[in-house]
Amino acid sequence: MQAHTTRTSLVRFAKCGMTEFCHCEVPEARHHVKQYSRALPCHCEGAERPWQSQGSEACNRKTESNAKSLELNEITTSCATPRNDKYVSEAHSKELKVLTSYRLNDFTKKAAFTLAEVLITLGIIGVVAAMTIPTLISKYQDKVLENHFKKSYAMLNQALLSAQSQFGYLPRCYYEYGSPTSVISQDCGELTEKFLASLKIVKVCDGNSYEQGCIPEYRGVDDILKEEHEDDEDYDEEYWQDYANRNCGGFNTSAIRNINKSYVLSDGTIIFFYDNAGCKIIGLDINGKKGPNKWGYDLFSLYINSDGNRFRYEGDICIDAEEGGRSFKHMYADVFH
């Protein structure tokens, strides 16, 4: 007689009673339950009547009613003969228990990845990470610098407008709009005082700014020009040094570090003046000493411009950007447009 369940584990052992084989069908179970408290009776084909009276129908009913509440890995006895069975030996009973547990546990095995598959997957993840992470970091750093630029530039313009408003007229301290070579400087000293008074300054260095710790180790226009042209076939160091001194001497390396006044603000922003021009021409480090401390990254050159009605800071006087950086105009466009 076939069992009522659809999937079973078949166990055989020799010499069950008067026959050669005993077939015991044990159903699969998929739910956690308590272990059987008694063995399941089985039907041995051709056995004597006392055995058959407990046989297949009882076994099948017992199997069907308990199938849903049997946990496979908890089976220690199944399909063993009743205690009064005189035909099946104790050895055969033990053999049946071991074989049944072994066959049922086959269904509990779970699929797993091989070591090779895991290594291949990790290798692919590593390659993708190596390609994408540097780009993500660079974009994040650019965004951080843009936020610093926006904040620092707004702060300086606000201080400049505040200083301008105290005059009652447009102070004479600016470059004429569109013409950085037309300099008007009569009111620069007073405007600079009012400008600085509008800022939250925590440290001042009146010369020797690098030694006194107001500024990090900036490079000036002379060193930048040297780096840009020293590989030229007709490179002339004296020519480029003289060019830097004549056109932008106040932003040479030695002038920035040893001559120019510098100011550290409460948020870490650093400003330093071009020679003795006051707030008319300044260097602006938007994140202080955090770095990279390079022109076009976190360091910009600004000058006061006027449209005839009000002031505003423009950029890229003497120095625009070191290699890989963005000029003031480029940064301004990225942040405000």
Protein backbone atom coordinates (compact mmCIF):
# COMPACT_ATOMS: atom_id res chain seq x y z
CA MET A 1 0.00 0.00 0.00
CA GLN A 2 1.31 3.46 -0.89
CA ALA A 3 1.66 6.17 1.73
CA HIS A 4 -0.68 9.15 1.58
CA THR A 5 2.13 11.69 1.40
CA THR A 6 3.71 12.73 -1.89
CA ARG A 7 7.40 12.63 -0.94
CA THR A 8 8.86 9.96 1.29
CA SER A 9 12.13 8.39 2.29
CA LEU A 10 12.34 4.65 1.65
CA VAL A 11 14.33 2.41 3.99
CA ARG A 12 14.93 -1.29 3.63
CA PHE A 13 16.45 -3.90 5.90
CA ALA A 14 16.83 -7.62 5.54
CA LYS A 15 14.84 -10.43 7.06
CA CYS A 16 11.83 -8.69 8.53
CA GLY A 17 9.73 -11.50 9.97
CA MET A 18 8.96 -14.17 7.31
CA THR A 19 9.82 -11.86 4.38
CA GLU A 20 13.00 -10.50 2.91
CA PHE A 21 12.26 -6.79 3.02
CA CYS A 22 10.29 -4.26 4.98
CA HIS A 23 9.28 -1.02 3.24
CA CYS A 24 8.75 1.95 5.51
CA GLU A 25 7.69 5.26 4.04
CA VAL A 26 8.53 8.31 6.19
CA PRO A 27 7.05 11.60 5.02
CA GLU A 28 9.03 14.84 4.66
CA ALA A 29 8.15 17.59 7.06
CA ARG A 30 8.66 21.33 6.73
CA HIS A 31 7.68 22.65 10.16
CA HIS A 32 9.28 22.57 13.60
CA VAL A 33 7.63 20.26 16.12
CA LYS A 34 8.38 17.99 18.98
CA GLN A 35 10.08 14.68 18.35
CA TYR A 36 7.95 11.52 18.01
CA SER A 37 7.08 10.10 21.36
CA ARG A 38 6.59 6.65 19.86
CA ALA A 39 7.88 4.80 16.87
CA LEU A 40 5.80 4.49 13.73
CA PRO A 41 4.59 0.94 13.03
CA CYS A 42 5.39 -0.38 9.57
CA HIS A 43 3.93 -2.97 7.31
CA CYS A 44 6.14 -5.88 6.36
CA GLU A 45 4.83 -7.60 3.29
CA GLY A 46 3.98 -11.26 3.94
CA ALA A 47 4.43 -11.02 7.70
CA GLU A 48 2.21 -12.81 10.17
CA ARG A 49 -1.19 -11.40 11.16
CA PRO A 50 -0.13 -9.81 14.50
CA TRP A 51 2.35 -7.64 12.63
CA GLN A 52 -0.07 -6.76 9.86
CA SER A 53 -2.78 -5.73 12.33
CA GLN A 54 -0.61 -2.72 13.19
CA GLY A 55 0.56 -2.37 9.63
CA SER A 56 0.23 -0.13 6.65
CA GLU A 57 -3.04 1.69 7.31
CA ALA A 58 -2.06 2.57 10.87
CA CYS A 59 1.40 3.56 9.72
CA ASN A 60 0.03 5.72 6.91
CA ARG A 61 -2.53 7.43 9.13
CA LYS A 62 0.10 8.08 11.77
CA THR A 63 2.49 9.35 9.11
CA GLU A 64 -0.07 11.64 7.49
CA SER A 65 -1.32 13.15 10.75
CA ASN A 66 2.20 13.95 11.99
CA ALA A 67 3.90 14.86 8.73
CA LYS A 68 3.31 18.59 9.07
CA SER A 69 4.62 18.66 12.62
CA LEU A 70 7.86 16.75 12.19
CA GLU A 71 11.25 18.42 12.07
CA LEU A 72 13.63 16.40 9.95
CA ASN A 73 16.76 16.99 11.99
CA GLU A 74 14.99 15.93 15.20
CA ILE A 75 14.18 12.38 14.07
CA THR A 76 16.04 9.78 16.06
CA THR A 77 13.60 6.92 15.67
CA SER A 78 11.25 6.17 12.84
CA CYS A 79 9.59 3.11 11.43
CA ALA A 80 10.98 0.96 14.21
CA THR A 81 9.14 -2.22 15.04
CA PRO A 82 6.81 -2.41 18.09
CA ARG A 83 8.30 -3.61 21.33
CA ASN A 84 6.63 -7.03 21.05
CA ASP A 85 8.00 -7.65 17.55
CA LYS A 86 9.89 -10.90 17.74
CA TYR A 87 10.91 -10.99 14.11
CA VAL A 88 13.16 -7.92 13.81
CA SER A 89 16.42 -7.85 15.65
CA GLU A 90 17.74 -4.95 17.67
CA ALA A 91 20.63 -4.53 15.22
CA HIS A 92 18.27 -4.14 12.30
CA SER A 93 16.26 -1.58 14.25
CA LYS A 94 19.38 0.51 14.90
CA GLU A 95 20.37 0.24 11.26
CA LEU A 96 16.97 1.52 10.27
CA LYS A 97 17.26 4.54 12.57
CA VAL A 98 20.64 5.57 11.15
CA LEU A 99 19.63 5.11 7.52
CA THR A 100 16.36 6.97 7.95
CA SER A 101 18.04 9.93 9.67
CA TYR A 102 20.71 10.04 6.97
CA ARG A 103 18.22 10.00 4.08
CA LEU A 104 15.95 12.62 5.62
CA ASN A 105 18.84 14.97 6.38
CA ASP A 106 19.65 15.01 2.66
CA PHE A 107 16.65 17.31 2.22
CA THR A 108 17.98 19.82 4.76
CA LYS A 109 21.17 20.61 2.85
CA LYS A 110 21.34 24.23 1.60
CA ALA A 111 23.08 25.57 -1.49
CA ALA A 112 26.22 27.65 -0.87
CA PHE A 113 28.75 29.62 -2.93
CA THR A 114 32.10 28.06 -3.69
CA LEU A 115 35.33 29.78 -2.71
CA ALA A 116 36.08 30.54 -6.36
CA GLU A 117 32.70 32.23 -6.83
CA VAL A 118 33.23 34.35 -3.73
CA LEU A 119 36.71 35.43 -4.85
CA ILE A 120 35.50 36.32 -8.34
CA THR A 121 32.66 38.42 -6.90
CA LEU A 122 35.02 40.24 -4.54
CA GLY A 123 37.40 40.88 -7.41
CA ILE A 124 34.65 42.47 -9.51
CA ILE A 125 33.55 44.63 -6.58
CA GLY A 126 37.15 45.76 -6.06
CA VAL A 127 37.61 46.76 -9.71
CA VAL A 128 34.36 48.74 -9.75
CA ALA A 129 35.27 50.45 -6.47
CA ALA A 130 38.74 51.39 -7.76
CA MET A 131 37.15 53.00 -10.82
CA THR A 132 34.34 54.91 -9.11
CA ILE A 133 35.52 55.87 -5.60
CA PRO A 134 38.24 58.39 -6.68
CA THR A 135 35.69 60.18 -8.88
CA LEU A 136 33.14 60.27 -6.08
CA ILE A 137 35.73 61.63 -3.63
CA SER A 138 36.83 64.30 -6.10
CA LYS A 139 33.25 65.43 -6.70
CA TYR A 140 32.61 65.53 -2.97
CA GLN A 141 35.73 67.65 -2.36
CA ASP A 142 34.74 70.03 -5.17
CA LYS A 143 31.30 70.44 -3.62
CA VAL A 144 32.78 71.17 -0.20
CA LEU A 145 35.05 73.87 -1.68
CA GLU A 146 32.13 75.39 -3.57
CA ASN A 147 30.16 75.69 -0.34
CA HIS A 148 33.13 77.37 1.36
CA PHE A 149 33.53 79.73 -1.60
CA LYS A 150 29.88 80.73 -1.52
CA LYS A 151 29.97 81.47 2.19
CA SER A 152 33.29 83.37 2.18
CA TYR A 153 32.50 85.42 -0.91
CA ALA A 154 29.10 86.45 0.46
CA MET A 155 30.72 87.44 3.77
CA LEU A 156 33.36 89.64 2.09
CA ASN A 157 30.87 91.38 -0.18
CA GLN A 158 28.60 92.05 2.78
CA ALA A 159 31.49 93.61 4.69
CA LEU A 160 32.43 95.68 1.66
CA LEU A 161 28.89 96.99 1.16
CA SER A 162 28.62 97.75 4.87
CA ALA A 163 31.84 99.78 4.71
CA GLN A 164 30.65 101.59 1.59
CA SER A 165 27.34 102.52 3.16
CA GLN A 166 29.13 104.42 5.95
CA PHE A 167 30.55 106.96 3.52
CA GLY A 168 27.31 108.31 2.14
CA TYR A 169 28.89 108.19 -1.31
CA LEU A 170 30.90 105.75 -3.39
CA PRO A 171 34.40 105.67 -1.85
CA ARG A 172 37.30 106.25 -4.19
CA CYS A 173 39.01 102.92 -3.83
CA TYR A 174 38.44 100.60 -6.76
CA TYR A 175 39.30 99.69 -10.29
CA GLU A 176 37.02 101.20 -12.91
CA TYR A 177 34.56 98.64 -14.24
CA GLY A 178 36.11 96.54 -16.98
CA SER A 179 39.51 98.17 -16.67
CA PRO A 180 41.71 96.78 -13.86
CA THR A 181 44.53 99.15 -14.85
CA SER A 182 42.53 102.29 -13.93
CA VAL A 183 43.15 102.59 -10.22
CA ILE A 184 41.37 104.95 -7.86
CA SER A 185 42.88 104.87 -4.37
CA GLN A 186 42.15 108.10 -2.46
CA ASP A 187 39.77 106.55 0.08
CA CYS A 188 41.37 103.10 0.35
CA GLY A 189 42.80 103.61 3.85
CA GLU A 190 39.49 104.61 5.43
CA LEU A 191 37.53 102.03 3.46
CA THR A 192 39.91 99.31 4.61
CA GLU A 193 39.41 100.26 8.28
CA LYS A 194 35.63 100.10 7.96
CA PHE A 195 35.86 96.88 5.96
CA LEU A 196 37.93 95.14 8.63
CA ALA A 197 35.63 96.40 11.37
CA SER A 198 32.76 94.51 9.69
CA LEU A 199 34.59 91.19 9.94
CA LYS A 200 35.06 88.87 12.94
CA ILE A 201 38.85 88.78 13.12
CA VAL A 202 40.57 86.51 15.65
CA LYS A 203 44.22 86.95 14.63
CA VAL A 204 46.25 89.62 12.82
CA CYS A 205 49.78 89.30 11.38
CA ASP A 206 51.39 92.57 10.32
CA GLY A 207 54.08 91.06 8.12
CA ASN A 208 55.90 87.74 8.61
CA SER A 209 52.51 86.07 8.31
CA TYR A 210 53.94 82.63 7.63
CA GLU A 211 56.31 82.62 10.61
CA GLN A 212 53.60 83.93 12.92
CA GLY A 213 51.20 81.19 11.86
CA CYS A 214 48.52 83.27 10.15
CA ILE A 215 48.94 81.62 6.77
CA PRO A 216 50.11 78.24 5.44
CA GLU A 217 52.90 77.89 2.87
CA TYR A 218 51.37 79.58 -0.19
CA ARG A 219 53.19 79.80 -3.50
CA GLY A 220 53.39 83.19 -5.18
CA VAL A 221 53.04 84.20 -8.80
CA ASP A 222 56.82 84.06 -9.37
CA ASP A 223 57.07 80.40 -8.35
CA ILE A 224 53.99 79.49 -10.38
CA LEU A 225 55.37 81.18 -13.52
CA LYS A 226 58.68 79.39 -13.03
CA GLU A 227 56.97 76.02 -12.81
CA GLU A 228 54.89 76.74 -15.92
CA HIS A 229 57.81 77.82 -18.11
CA GLU A 230 60.99 76.18 -16.83
CA ASP A 231 60.63 73.33 -19.35
CA ASP A 232 60.52 75.76 -22.27
CA GLU A 233 63.53 75.58 -24.57
CA ASP A 234 64.13 79.32 -24.33
CA TYR A 235 63.29 79.61 -20.63
CA ASP A 236 64.88 82.67 -19.02
CA GLU A 237 64.52 82.70 -15.23
CA GLU A 238 65.53 86.37 -14.86
CA TYR A 239 62.94 87.44 -17.41
CA TRP A 240 60.07 85.69 -15.64
CA GLN A 241 61.20 86.86 -12.21
CA ASP A 242 61.32 90.44 -13.45
CA TYR A 243 57.93 90.00 -15.11
CA ALA A 244 56.41 88.81 -11.83
CA ASN A 245 57.98 91.67 -9.88
CA ARG A 246 56.83 94.37 -12.31
CA ASN A 247 53.26 93.12 -12.75
CA CYS A 248 52.32 91.32 -9.52
CA GLY A 249 55.14 91.79 -7.05
CA GLY A 250 52.70 91.99 -4.13
CA PHE A 251 51.66 88.40 -4.78
CA ASN A 252 55.17 86.94 -5.09
CA THR A 253 56.03 84.20 -2.64
CA SER A 254 58.28 86.31 -0.43
CA ALA A 255 55.78 89.19 -0.31
CA ILE A 256 52.91 86.93 0.73
CA ARG A 257 54.89 85.20 3.46
CA ASN A 258 56.99 88.07 4.79
CA ILE A 259 55.47 91.47 3.89
CA ASN A 260 51.71 91.46 3.41
CA LYS A 261 49.28 91.85 6.29
CA SER A 262 47.00 88.89 6.92
CA TYR A 263 43.89 88.26 8.98
CA VAL A 264 42.36 85.06 10.31
CA LEU A 265 38.57 85.14 10.75
CA SER A 266 36.48 83.30 13.31
CA ASP A 267 35.35 80.65 10.81
CA GLY A 268 38.94 79.94 9.70
CA THR A 269 38.84 82.02 6.52
CA ILE A 270 42.12 83.85 5.77
CA ILE A 271 42.50 87.12 3.90
CA PHE A 272 45.75 88.94 3.12
CA PHE A 273 46.35 92.23 1.37
CA TYR A 274 48.35 92.83 -1.77
CA ASP A 275 51.32 94.85 -0.60
CA ASN A 276 49.85 98.09 0.85
CA ALA A 277 46.72 98.21 -1.28
CA GLY A 278 44.44 97.41 1.65
CA CYS A 279 41.11 95.81 0.85
CA LYS A 280 41.37 96.96 -2.76
CA ILE A 281 43.30 93.78 -3.68
CA ILE A 282 43.22 90.73 -1.44
CA GLY A 283 44.04 87.07 -1.37
CA LEU A 284 41.21 84.89 -0.04
CA ASP A 285 41.66 81.40 1.41
CA ILE A 286 38.11 80.08 1.76
CA ASN A 287 38.91 77.23 4.17
CA GLY A 288 42.00 78.46 5.98
CA LYS A 289 44.80 76.00 6.61
CA LYS A 290 42.80 72.89 5.75
CA GLY A 291 44.26 72.68 2.28
CA PRO A 292 45.06 72.15 -0.45
CA ASN A 293 46.12 75.84 -0.14
CA LYS A 294 46.47 76.25 -3.90
CA TRP A 295 45.31 78.99 -6.23
CA GLY A 296 42.12 78.00 -7.99
CA TYR A 297 41.18 75.40 -5.40
CA ASP A 298 40.70 77.15 -2.05
CA LEU A 299 42.81 80.26 -2.73
CA PHE A 300 41.72 83.17 -4.95
CA SER A 301 42.87 86.69 -5.82
CA LEU A 302 40.18 89.42 -5.66
CA TYR A 303 39.95 93.13 -6.36
CA ILE A 304 37.25 95.76 -5.78
CA ASN A 305 35.29 96.70 -8.85
CA SER A 306 32.52 99.23 -9.22
CA ASP A 307 29.71 99.80 -11.68
CA GLY A 308 29.41 103.41 -10.55
CA ASN A 309 26.78 102.71 -7.92
CA ARG A 310 28.12 100.01 -5.66
CA PHE A 311 31.14 97.81 -5.00
CA ARG A 312 31.67 94.14 -5.55
CA TYR A 313 34.67 91.85 -5.58
CA GLU A 314 35.90 90.49 -8.89
CA GLY A 315 38.66 87.93 -9.31
CA ASP A 316 41.71 86.63 -11.13
CA ILE A 317 44.07 89.56 -10.76
CA CYS A 318 47.70 88.48 -11.15
CA ILE A 319 46.88 84.81 -10.46
CA ASP A 320 43.95 82.80 -11.71
CA ALA A 321 44.56 79.09 -10.99
CA GLU A 322 47.29 76.54 -10.60
CA GLU A 323 47.15 73.38 -12.69
CA GLY A 324 43.86 71.53 -12.27
CA GLY A 325 42.20 74.39 -10.39
CA ARG A 326 39.35 76.72 -11.32
CA SER A 327 39.71 80.44 -11.80
CA PHE A 328 37.59 82.80 -9.73
CA LYS A 329 35.27 83.40 -12.69
CA HIS A 330 34.85 79.65 -13.23
CA MET A 331 34.19 78.97 -9.56
CA TYR A 332 31.78 81.90 -9.34
CA ALA A 333 29.84 80.57 -12.34
CA ASP A 334 29.68 77.06 -10.88
CA VAL A 335 28.42 78.32 -7.51
CA PHE A 336 26.01 81.08 -8.45
CA HIS A 337 24.68 79.99 -11.83
